[in-house]
Protein backbone atom coordinates (compact mmCIF):
# COMPACT_ATOMS: atom_id res chain seq x y z
CA MET A 1 -4.58 11.69 11.35
CA PRO A 2 -7.85 9.94 10.78
CA LYS A 3 -8.88 9.94 7.38
CA ARG A 4 -11.98 8.54 5.39
CA VAL A 5 -12.52 7.30 1.72
CA LYS A 6 -14.72 9.91 -0.01
CA ASN A 7 -15.62 7.42 -2.88
CA PRO A 8 -16.12 3.70 -1.28
CA THR A 9 -17.92 2.61 -4.29
CA ALA A 10 -14.87 3.23 -6.74
CA HIS A 11 -15.24 1.20 -9.95
CA LEU A 12 -12.71 -1.48 -10.59
CA VAL A 13 -10.90 -1.01 -13.90
CA THR A 14 -9.07 -3.63 -15.85
CA ASP A 15 -6.34 -3.45 -18.46
CA ALA A 16 -4.51 -6.35 -20.25
CA ASN A 17 -2.57 -7.24 -16.98
CA HIS A 18 -4.25 -5.91 -13.63
CA GLN A 19 -7.41 -5.07 -11.93
CA LYS A 20 -7.07 -1.25 -10.48
CA LYS A 21 -9.11 0.89 -8.22
CA ASP A 22 -8.40 4.20 -6.82
CA PHE A 23 -10.04 5.70 -3.57
CA LEU A 24 -10.08 9.38 -2.91
CA VAL A 25 -9.31 10.08 0.64
CA GLU A 26 -9.28 13.02 2.71
CA SER A 27 -8.52 13.96 6.45
CA ARG A 28 -11.64 14.23 8.48
CA ASP A 29 -11.49 17.73 9.00
CA GLY A 30 -10.96 18.04 5.15
CA THR A 31 -7.89 19.91 4.90
CA GLU A 32 -5.59 17.31 3.65
CA GLN A 33 -6.02 15.24 0.50
CA PHE A 34 -4.92 11.54 -0.55
CA LYS A 35 -5.26 8.81 -2.71
CA ILE A 36 -5.19 5.27 -2.19
CA PHE A 37 -4.39 3.09 -5.00
CA PHE A 38 -5.15 -0.88 -5.25
CA ARG A 39 -3.40 -2.81 -8.29
CA GLN A 40 -3.56 -6.73 -8.75
CA SER A 41 -2.29 -8.89 -11.44
CA LYS A 42 -4.84 -10.90 -13.36
CA THR A 43 -2.50 -13.93 -13.66
CA VAL A 44 -0.36 -13.88 -10.43
CA ALA A 45 -2.01 -13.67 -7.04
CA ASN A 46 0.92 -12.68 -4.92
CA ASP A 47 1.46 -9.79 -7.48
CA PHE A 48 -0.23 -6.79 -5.96
CA SER A 49 0.34 -3.32 -4.74
CA CYS A 50 -1.66 -0.78 -2.77
CA GLY A 51 -0.52 2.54 -1.24
CA ILE A 52 -1.29 5.87 -0.15
CA ILE A 53 -0.56 9.15 -1.67
CA TRP A 54 -0.37 12.58 0.02
CA PHE A 55 -1.09 15.84 -2.00
CA PRO A 56 0.33 18.61 -0.18
CA ARG A 57 -1.04 21.93 -1.11
CA GLY A 58 0.93 23.69 -3.67
CA ASP A 59 3.35 20.95 -3.74
CA GLU A 60 3.87 17.59 -5.80
CA SER A 61 2.34 14.41 -4.43
CA LEU A 62 4.23 12.14 -2.30
CA ILE A 63 3.87 8.31 -1.94
CA LEU A 64 3.82 7.70 1.73
CA ALA A 65 3.79 3.88 1.72
CA ARG A 66 3.29 1.01 -0.59
CA PHE A 67 2.44 -2.54 0.47
CA ASN A 68 3.56 -5.07 -1.81
CA GLY A 69 3.05 -8.64 -2.59
CA SER A 70 5.85 -11.66 -2.65
CA SER A 71 6.01 -11.61 -6.45
CA HIS A 72 9.21 -10.03 -6.79
CA VAL A 73 12.78 -9.42 -5.12
CA HIS A 74 13.24 -6.18 -3.51
CA VAL A 75 16.76 -4.77 -2.57
CA ASN A 76 17.02 -1.44 -0.50
CA ARG A 77 19.33 0.79 -2.34
CA MET A 78 20.69 2.48 0.86
CA GLY A 79 22.04 -0.70 3.16
CA GLY A 80 21.70 -3.53 0.32
CA GLU A 81 18.92 -5.42 2.40
CA LYS A 82 17.58 -8.13 0.08
CA MET A 83 13.91 -9.29 0.45
CA ASP A 84 13.62 -12.74 -1.50
CA CYS A 85 10.00 -12.77 -2.76
CA VAL A 86 8.26 -11.77 0.63
CA CYS A 87 5.49 -9.28 1.18
CA HIS A 88 7.19 -5.83 1.95
CA VAL A 89 6.32 -2.47 2.78
CA HIS A 90 7.63 0.69 1.32
CA ARG A 91 7.85 3.74 3.44
CA THR A 92 8.94 7.24 2.59
CA THR A 93 12.04 8.10 4.29
CA GLU A 94 13.61 11.65 4.64
CA ARG A 95 17.12 9.70 4.11
CA TYR A 96 16.26 8.56 0.70
CA ILE A 97 14.73 11.98 -0.26
CA GLN A 98 18.04 13.66 0.88
CA ASN A 99 20.14 11.07 -1.19
CA ASN A 100 18.07 11.78 -4.42
CA LEU A 101 16.61 8.33 -4.39
CA SER A 102 12.98 7.28 -4.76
CA PRO A 103 11.33 8.73 -1.47
CA ASP A 104 9.61 5.24 -0.86
CA GLY A 105 12.26 3.06 -1.99
CA HIS A 106 13.22 1.79 1.55
CA ALA A 107 10.89 -1.38 2.37
CA ILE A 108 10.83 -3.79 5.20
CA ALA A 109 9.50 -7.52 4.97
CA THR A 110 6.37 -8.12 6.81
CA ALA A 111 4.05 -11.06 7.76
CA SER A 112 0.91 -8.91 8.53
CA TYR A 113 -0.75 -9.77 5.13
CA LYS A 114 -0.51 -12.50 2.47
CA THR A 115 -2.95 -11.08 -0.10
CA ALA A 116 -4.00 -7.95 -1.55
CA SER A 117 -7.26 -7.54 0.37
CA GLY A 118 -5.17 -8.09 3.78
CA ALA A 119 -2.59 -5.62 2.48
CA LEU A 120 -5.17 -2.83 1.79
CA ALA A 121 -6.51 -3.76 5.19
CA GLU A 122 -3.13 -3.34 6.87
CA LEU A 123 -2.86 0.08 4.84
CA ALA A 124 -6.14 1.37 6.64
CA ARG A 125 -5.25 0.31 9.90
CA GLU A 126 -1.94 1.87 9.79
CA PHE A 127 -3.14 5.04 8.19
CA LYS A 128 -6.29 5.49 10.11
CA VAL A 129 -8.55 5.09 6.87
CA THR A 130 -12.30 4.49 7.21
CA GLY A 131 -14.50 3.49 4.66
CA LEU A 132 -12.88 0.47 3.10
CA GLU A 133 -15.07 -1.99 5.41
CA GLY A 134 -15.91 -5.03 3.27
CA ILE A 135 -13.35 -4.29 0.82
CA ALA A 136 -10.24 -4.42 2.82
CA VAL A 137 -10.47 -7.55 4.73
CA PRO A 138 -7.72 -8.47 7.25
CA ASP A 139 -6.01 -12.05 6.19
CA GLN A 140 -7.01 -14.89 8.64
CA GLN A 141 -4.18 -15.68 10.91
CA GLU A 142 -3.12 -19.43 10.55
CA LEU A 143 -4.80 -21.19 13.32
CA PHE A 144 -2.43 -24.14 13.57
CA ASN A 145 0.94 -23.01 12.94
CA GLY A 146 3.71 -25.70 13.62
CA PHE A 147 1.19 -28.82 13.26
């Protein structure tokens, strides 16, 4: 469903280790509420995460997806697939929920972004979010692959 950011000028908050920003998001018709979170390490460029959380009425929140950087190894608990320090996307799955695991514990490797801003742009594209233009900038494709 199309969504829009309600606070595109959200302030960047800095703690000892990270820069953080949270965007309030709603469906275009105003019936569904979401939050996009953005986290970037102050010292490690590829240590970042952004994600989208859904707030269903009367229920607990649910992280729908997280777009992570390549700063760490991830192993899927079901299936054992291992990703060695590559960008990867976590998605909530019914299978993980039914097995009492973290709903967004399953991840797949991706080459669709390499930077925090690129991850945020990919999240906005996939989840049909407007209002992050100029903040979420897609990564440039390498012009001369293989040269």
